[in-house]
Every structure is written in structure tokens, then in C-alpha cells.
C-alpha atoms as a PDB file:
ATOM      1  CA  MET A   1     -10.413   5.846   3.863  1.00  0.00           C
ATOM      2  CA  ALA A   2     -10.472   7.278   0.326  1.00  0.00           C
ATOM      3  CA  LYS A   3      -8.498  10.336   1.472  1.00  0.00           C
ATOM      4  CA  MET A   4      -5.889   8.100   3.065  1.00  0.00           C
ATOM      5  CA  MET A   5      -5.568   5.934  -0.061  1.00  0.00           C
ATOM      6  CA  HIS A   6      -5.110   8.998  -2.265  1.00  0.00           C
ATOM      7  CA  LEU A   7      -2.426  10.302   0.086  1.00  0.00           C
ATOM      8  CA  LEU A   8      -0.750   6.902   0.114  1.00  0.00           C
ATOM      9  CA  ASN A   9      -0.829   6.766  -3.692  1.00  0.00           C
ATOM     10  CA  LEU A  10       0.991  10.098  -3.778  1.00  0.00           C
ATOM     11  CA  PHE A  11       3.431   8.751  -1.219  1.00  0.00           C
ATOM     12  CA  VAL A  12       4.231   5.781  -3.468  1.00  0.00           C
ATOM     13  CA  LEU A  13       5.484   8.187  -6.113  1.00  0.00           C
ATOM     14  CA  PHE A  14       7.919   9.597  -3.596  1.00  0.00           C
ATOM     15  CA  LEU A  15       8.811   6.216  -2.144  1.00  0.00           C
ATOM     16  CA  ILE A  16       9.661   4.604  -5.451  1.00  0.00           C
ATOM     17  CA  SER A  17      11.743   7.618  -6.418  1.00  0.00           C
ATOM     18  CA  THR A  18      13.890   7.130  -3.298  1.00  0.00           C
ATOM     19  CA  VAL A  19      15.000   3.584  -4.075  1.00  0.00           C
ATOM     20  CA  SER A  20      18.772   3.375  -3.950  1.00  0.00           C
ATOM     21  CA  ALA A  21      20.715   3.657  -7.175  1.00  0.00           C
ATOM     22  CA  ALA A  22      21.867   0.063  -6.809  1.00  0.00           C
ATOM     23  CA  ASP A  23      18.298  -1.131  -7.256  1.00  0.00           C
ATOM     24  CA  GLU A  24      17.082  -1.102 -10.818  1.00  0.00           C
ATOM     25  CA  ILE A  25      13.364  -0.668 -11.158  1.00  0.00           C
ATOM     26  CA  ASP A  26      11.632  -1.077 -14.473  1.00  0.00           C
ATOM     27  CA  GLU A  27      10.122   2.130 -15.869  1.00  0.00           C
ATOM     28  CA  SER A  28       6.746   0.374 -15.714  1.00  0.00           C
ATOM     29  CA  CYS A  29       6.789   0.728 -11.911  1.00  0.00           C
ATOM     30  CA  PHE A  30       6.889   4.502 -12.267  1.00  0.00           C
ATOM     31  CA  GLU A  31       4.237   4.460 -14.994  1.00  0.00           C
ATOM     32  CA  MET A  32       1.858   2.582 -12.678  1.00  0.00           C
ATOM     33  CA  PHE A  33       1.752   5.622 -10.433  1.00  0.00           C
ATOM     34  CA  ASP A  34       0.997   8.304 -13.013  1.00  0.00           C
ATOM     35  CA  PRO A  35       0.005  11.355 -10.934  1.00  0.00           C
ATOM     36  CA  GLU A  36      -2.423  12.447 -13.661  1.00  0.00           C
ATOM     37  CA  ASP A  37      -4.335   9.187 -13.338  1.00  0.00           C
ATOM     38  CA  LEU A  38      -4.358   8.461  -9.602  1.00  0.00           C
ATOM     39  CA  GLU A  39      -8.115   8.999  -9.382  1.00  0.00           C
ATOM     40  CA  ASN A  40      -8.714   6.035 -11.675  1.00  0.00           C
ATOM     41  CA  GLU A  41      -9.411   3.020  -9.456  1.00  0.00           C
ATOM     42  CA  CYS A  42      -8.098   0.228 -11.653  1.00  0.00           C
ATOM     43  CA  CYS A  43      -7.486  -2.560  -9.181  1.00  0.00           C
ATOM     44  CA  GLU A  44     -10.776  -4.093  -8.059  1.00  0.00           C
ATOM     45  CA  THR A  45      -9.276  -5.040  -4.704  1.00  0.00           C
ATOM     46  CA  ASP A  46     -11.348  -2.940  -2.349  1.00  0.00           C
ATOM     47  CA  PHE A  47     -11.030  -3.563   1.359  1.00  0.00           C
ATOM     48  CA  GLU A  48     -14.538  -2.647   2.428  1.00  0.00           C
ATOM     49  CA  ILE A  49     -14.815  -3.376   6.122  1.00  0.00           C
ATOM     50  CA  ASN A  50     -18.052  -4.970   7.321  1.00  0.00           C
ATOM     51  CA  ASP A  51     -18.357  -2.595  10.256  1.00  0.00           C
ATOM     52  CA  GLU A  52     -21.196  -0.124   9.922  1.00  0.00           C
ATOM     53  CA  SER A  53     -20.119   1.691  13.090  1.00  0.00           C
ATOM     54  CA  GLU A  54     -16.813   2.699  11.522  1.00  0.00           C
ATOM     55  CA  GLU A  55     -16.875   6.362  10.524  1.00  0.00           C
ATOM     56  CA  GLU A  56     -14.568   8.285   8.231  1.00  0.00           C
ATOM     57  CA  GLU A  57     -11.357   8.859  10.185  1.00  0.00           C
ATOM     58  CA  ASP A  58      -9.957  12.355  10.712  1.00  0.00           C
ATOM     59  CA  PHE A  59      -6.247  12.321   9.891  1.00  0.00           C
ATOM     60  CA  SER A  60      -5.761  16.074  10.270  1.00  0.00           C
ATOM     61  CA  ASP A  61      -3.199  15.557  13.052  1.00  0.00           C
ATOM     62  CA  CYS A  62      -0.994  13.489  10.729  1.00  0.00           C
ATOM     63  CA  LEU A  63       1.757  15.223   8.811  1.00  0.00           C
ATOM     64  CA  ASN A  64       1.293  15.448   5.077  1.00  0.00           C
ATOM     65  CA  ASP A  65       5.004  15.701   4.453  1.00  0.00           C
ATOM     66  CA  PHE A  66       7.163  13.332   2.444  1.00  0.00           C
ATOM     67  CA  SER A  67      10.079  15.725   1.980  1.00  0.00           C
ATOM     68  CA  THR A  68      12.448  13.879   4.324  1.00  0.00           C
ATOM     69  CA  ASP A  69      12.823  10.276   5.406  1.00  0.00           C
ATOM     70  CA  GLU A  70      11.852  11.174   8.969  1.00  0.00           C
ATOM     71  CA  ALA A  71       8.706  13.049   7.897  1.00  0.00           C
ATOM     72  CA  LYS A  72       7.773  10.219   5.546  1.00  0.00           C
ATOM     73  CA  CYS A  73       8.082   7.705   8.392  1.00  0.00           C
ATOM     74  CA  GLU A  74       6.086   9.815  10.836  1.00  0.00           C
ATOM     75  CA  THR A  75       3.302  10.452   8.307  1.00  0.00           C
ATOM     76  CA  ILE A  76       2.790   6.781   7.506  1.00  0.00           C
ATOM     77  CA  LYS A  77       3.146   5.761  11.169  1.00  0.00           C
ATOM     78  CA  CYS A  78       0.450   8.286  12.123  1.00  0.00           C
ATOM     79  CA  TYR A  79      -1.968   6.794   9.591  1.00  0.00           C
ATOM     80  CA  TYR A  80      -1.284   3.296  10.902  1.00  0.00           C
ATOM     81  CA  LYS A  81      -1.817   4.448  14.499  1.00  0.00           C
ATOM     82  CA  HIS A  82      -5.181   5.936  13.501  1.00  0.00           C
ATOM     83  CA  ASP A  83      -6.044   2.695  11.767  1.00  0.00           C
ATOM     84  CA  GLY A  84      -5.189   0.783  14.948  1.00  0.00           C
ATOM     85  CA  VAL A  85      -2.485  -1.385  13.401  1.00  0.00           C
ATOM     86  CA  TRP A  86       0.661   0.233  14.856  1.00  0.00           C
ATOM     87  CA  LYS A  87       2.127  -0.448  18.292  1.00  0.00           C
ATOM     88  CA  ASP A  88       5.431   0.681  19.727  1.00  0.00           C
ATOM     89  CA  ASP A  89       7.831   0.555  16.771  1.00  0.00           C
ATOM     90  CA  GLY A  90       6.113  -1.919  14.507  1.00  0.00           C
ATOM     91  CA  ILE A  91       3.008  -3.318  12.950  1.00  0.00           C
ATOM     92  CA  ASP A  92       0.523  -4.982  15.291  1.00  0.00           C
ATOM     93  CA  ASP A  93       0.121  -8.317  13.503  1.00  0.00           C
ATOM     94  CA  ASP A  94      -3.019  -9.263  15.435  1.00  0.00           C
ATOM     95  CA  ALA A  95      -4.724  -5.952  14.622  1.00  0.00           C
ATOM     96  CA  VAL A  96      -3.853  -6.302  10.918  1.00  0.00           C
ATOM     97  CA  LYS A  97      -5.218  -9.868  10.848  1.00  0.00           C
ATOM     98  CA  THR A  98      -8.425  -8.752  12.563  1.00  0.00           C
ATOM     99  CA  LYS A  99      -8.936  -5.901  10.073  1.00  0.00           C
ATOM    100  CA  LEU A 100      -8.180  -8.078   7.067  1.00  0.00           C
ATOM    101  CA  GLN A 101     -10.514 -10.806   8.296  1.00  0.00           C
ATOM    102  CA  LYS A 102     -13.310  -8.207   8.472  1.00  0.00           C
ATOM    103  CA  SER A 103     -12.912  -7.365   4.785  1.00  0.00           C
ATOM    104  CA  ASP A 104     -15.778  -8.195   2.474  1.00  0.00           C
ATOM    105  CA  SER A 105     -15.842 -11.957   1.928  1.00  0.00           C
ATOM    106  CA  LYS A 106     -17.877 -11.409  -1.259  1.00  0.00           C
ATOM    107  CA  ASN A 107     -14.845  -9.796  -2.887  1.00  0.00           C
ATOM    108  CA  PRO A 108     -12.431 -12.596  -3.919  1.00  0.00           C
ATOM    109  CA  PRO A 109      -9.677 -10.189  -5.100  1.00  0.00           C
ATOM    110  CA  ALA A 110      -9.706  -8.493  -1.678  1.00  0.00           C
ATOM    111  CA  GLN A 111      -9.570 -11.872   0.042  1.00  0.00           C
ATOM    112  CA  LYS A 112      -6.560 -12.928  -2.057  1.00  0.00           C
ATOM    113  CA  ALA A 113      -4.779  -9.642  -1.325  1.00  0.00           C
ATOM    114  CA  ALA A 114      -5.527 -10.056   2.392  1.00  0.00           C
ATOM    115  CA  GLU A 115      -4.036 -13.558   2.290  1.00  0.00           C
ATOM    116  CA  ARG A 116      -0.895 -12.234   0.567  1.00  0.00           C
ATOM    117  CA  ILE A 117      -0.505  -9.459   3.140  1.00  0.00           C
ATOM    118  CA  MET A 118      -0.871 -11.958   5.986  1.00  0.00           C
ATOM    119  CA  LYS A 119       1.608 -14.338   4.347  1.00  0.00           C
ATOM    120  CA  TYR A 120       4.266 -11.888   3.136  1.00  0.00           C
ATOM    121  CA  CYS A 121       3.976  -8.812   5.374  1.00  0.00           C
ATOM    122  CA  LEU A 122       3.293 -10.000   8.919  1.00  0.00           C
ATOM    123  CA  ASN A 123       5.600 -11.449  11.577  1.00  0.00           C
ATOM    124  CA  GLY A 124       8.322  -9.001  10.597  1.00  0.00           C
ATOM    125  CA  LYS A 125       8.461 -10.161   6.969  1.00  0.00           C
ATOM    126  CA  TYR A 126       7.722  -6.598   5.812  1.00  0.00           C
ATOM    127  CA  MET A 127      11.219  -5.640   6.974  1.00  0.00           C
ATOM    128  CA  LYS A 128      12.606  -7.289   3.805  1.00  0.00           C
ATOM    129  CA  TYR A 129      10.943  -4.607   1.651  1.00  0.00           C
ATOM    130  CA  GLY A 130      12.390  -1.243   0.702  1.00  0.00           C
ATOM    131  CA  THR A 131      15.944  -0.181   1.331  1.00  0.00           C
ATOM    132  CA  ASP A 132      18.055  -0.682   4.447  1.00  0.00           C
ATOM    133  CA  ASP A 133      17.503   2.987   5.285  1.00  0.00           C
ATOM    134  CA  ASP A 134      13.690   2.798   5.209  1.00  0.00           C
ATOM    135  CA  CYS A 135      11.885   2.821   8.547  1.00  0.00           C
ATOM    136  CA  PRO A 136       9.477   0.026   9.567  1.00  0.00           C
ATOM    137  CA  SER A 137       6.321   1.997   8.687  1.00  0.00           C
ATOM    138  CA  VAL A 138       7.581   2.602   5.141  1.00  0.00           C
ATOM    139  CA  LYS A 139       8.661  -1.023   4.758  1.00  0.00           C
ATOM    140  CA  TYR A 140       5.227  -2.287   5.835  1.00  0.00           C
ATOM    141  CA  PHE A 141       3.481   0.189   3.558  1.00  0.00           C
ATOM    142  CA  LEU A 142       5.593  -0.896   0.599  1.00  0.00           C
ATOM    143  CA  CYS A 143       4.975  -4.585   1.358  1.00  0.00           C
ATOM    144  CA  SER A 144       1.219  -4.174   1.665  1.00  0.00           C
ATOM    145  CA  TYR A 145       1.012  -1.933  -1.407  1.00  0.00           C
ATOM    146  CA  ILE A 146       2.976  -4.355  -3.566  1.00  0.00           C
ATOM    147  CA  ASN A 147       0.871  -7.275  -2.374  1.00  0.00           C
ATOM    148  CA  THR A 148      -2.357  -5.374  -3.021  1.00  0.00           C
ATOM    149  CA  VAL A 149      -1.815  -3.228  -6.121  1.00  0.00           C
ATOM    150  CA  VAL A 150       1.229  -4.588  -7.958  1.00  0.00           C
ATOM    151  CA  GLU A 151      -0.113  -8.111  -7.352  1.00  0.00           C
ATOM    152  CA  CYS A 152      -3.704  -7.094  -8.212  1.00  0.00           C
ATOM    153  CA  ASP A 153      -5.858 -10.110  -9.112  1.00  0.00           C
ATOM    154  CA  SER A 154      -8.662  -8.290 -10.902  1.00  0.00           C
ATOM    155  CA  TRP A 155      -8.421  -5.130 -12.991  1.00  0.00           C
ATOM    156  CA  ASN A 156     -11.263  -2.907 -14.181  1.00  0.00           C
ATOM    157  CA  LYS A 157     -11.867  -3.336 -17.889  1.00  0.00           C
ATOM    158  CA  ASN A 158     -10.949  -0.141 -19.707  1.00  0.00           C
ATOM    159  CA  GLU A 159      -7.998   1.083 -21.748  1.00  0.00           C
ATOM    160  CA  THR A 160      -6.299   2.935 -18.901  1.00  0.00           C
ATOM    161  CA  CYS A 161      -6.644  -0.001 -16.519  1.00  0.00           C
ATOM    162  CA  ALA A 162      -5.359  -2.419 -19.161  1.00  0.00           C
ATOM    163  CA  LYS A 163      -2.223  -0.260 -19.321  1.00  0.00           C
ATOM    164  CA  HIS A 164      -1.948  -0.279 -15.503  1.00  0.00           C
ATOM    165  CA  SER A 165      -2.296  -4.063 -15.496  1.00  0.00           C
ATOM    166  CA  GLU A 166       0.450  -4.430 -18.101  1.00  0.00           C
ATOM    167  CA  ASN A 167       2.719  -2.070 -16.149  1.00  0.00           C
ATOM    168  CA  ALA A 168       2.012  -3.982 -12.927  1.00  0.00           C
ATOM    169  CA  SER A 169       3.091  -7.243 -14.562  1.00  0.00           C
ATOM    170  CA  LYS A 170       6.328  -5.682 -15.815  1.00  0.00           C
ATOM    171  CA  CYS A 171       6.952  -3.945 -12.494  1.00  0.00           C
ATOM    172  CA  LYS A 172       6.351  -7.164 -10.562  1.00  0.00           C
ATOM    173  CA  ALA A 173       8.889  -8.976 -12.746  1.00  0.00           C
ATOM    174  CA  SER A 174      11.497  -6.256 -12.178  1.00  0.00           C
ATOM    175  CA  LEU A 175      10.965  -6.317  -8.403  1.00  0.00           C
ATOM    176  CA  GLY A 176      11.696 -10.035  -8.339  1.00  0.00           C
END
């Protein structure tokens, strides 16, 4: 899961850079995803699944290519298929709910993020995110990422994370 999250963090850099010129995004959104600091886990929202049988997934068959819109869509879709939350051409709402309900109940920030994802990203609501040209897998990724990281409820206490928290607040305001 850590490998996937790192890859998805790198993807966010590309995704945010592809927002249409008509959309103005505060510089703080870009600063949140500083490639030199992606290893720093600032948001304490950690979706640990209470399933000891779950092993580290092998994503080697997924593309690692964000150079075109099509490749970006296929890469993210492949990860979601591996995670069991993608069916046909969209997110499997029931599978997402099941996974989120398995998250660690002793982690209130993760529970709040799970509630936001269920409220704002399921039942097709994720289609409101991103640009008109973005595919469904990208739109869902953006929705879940915003509702987990940009909306983070609990930040680690250090100077770098304080800066991330401040940037998240500014970014959130600019995204509406």
C-alpha cells in the first residue's frame, strides 16, 4: 500500500498541473505536493485495514505512466482494479464502503476521512471533481485525495507538517 500511495502522490503533482487554465489554483496547492518532501507523512489519516490476511499487493502489471491522459487513466484504473473497488467504467460504491468500514476504528482522523469519502465521492459524486476532460478514475482519485489529504483532520507536529497544514488550508479555500 505504501508503494501505491507514493505513486499516487507523484500522480497528484501531474494531475494538479493539468488543471485547465480557466481554473485558478492557489500556489499553496502545488506547495503541498513538494516532490522533495513526499516521504514525509504529515497527515495522520492512515487507512490501516483490519485484515491480517491482506498481503502487500503486486502492482507490477499496472502502467507507471502519467505522460498522457489515457495512460494516466489506465494507471489509476489498474490500481483501483487491484484494490477491488473498480467495476466496468466506474467506482464500485459497495466495495469502497466495505473497505472504508474495515479501516481502523481507533483512528478518528481516518474515520472522518472515510465518512467524507462516502459522503462526497460515492454515488457518482466524484464526477464533479477535476476537469470535464478527466476520466472517471482520475475524478474519483482527485475526490478521495482532496477529502483525505487536503481535508486532513490531524497533522503530525513538526515544522514541515505545520507548513503542509497551512498550505492545505489555503488550497482548500482556493478549491472552493
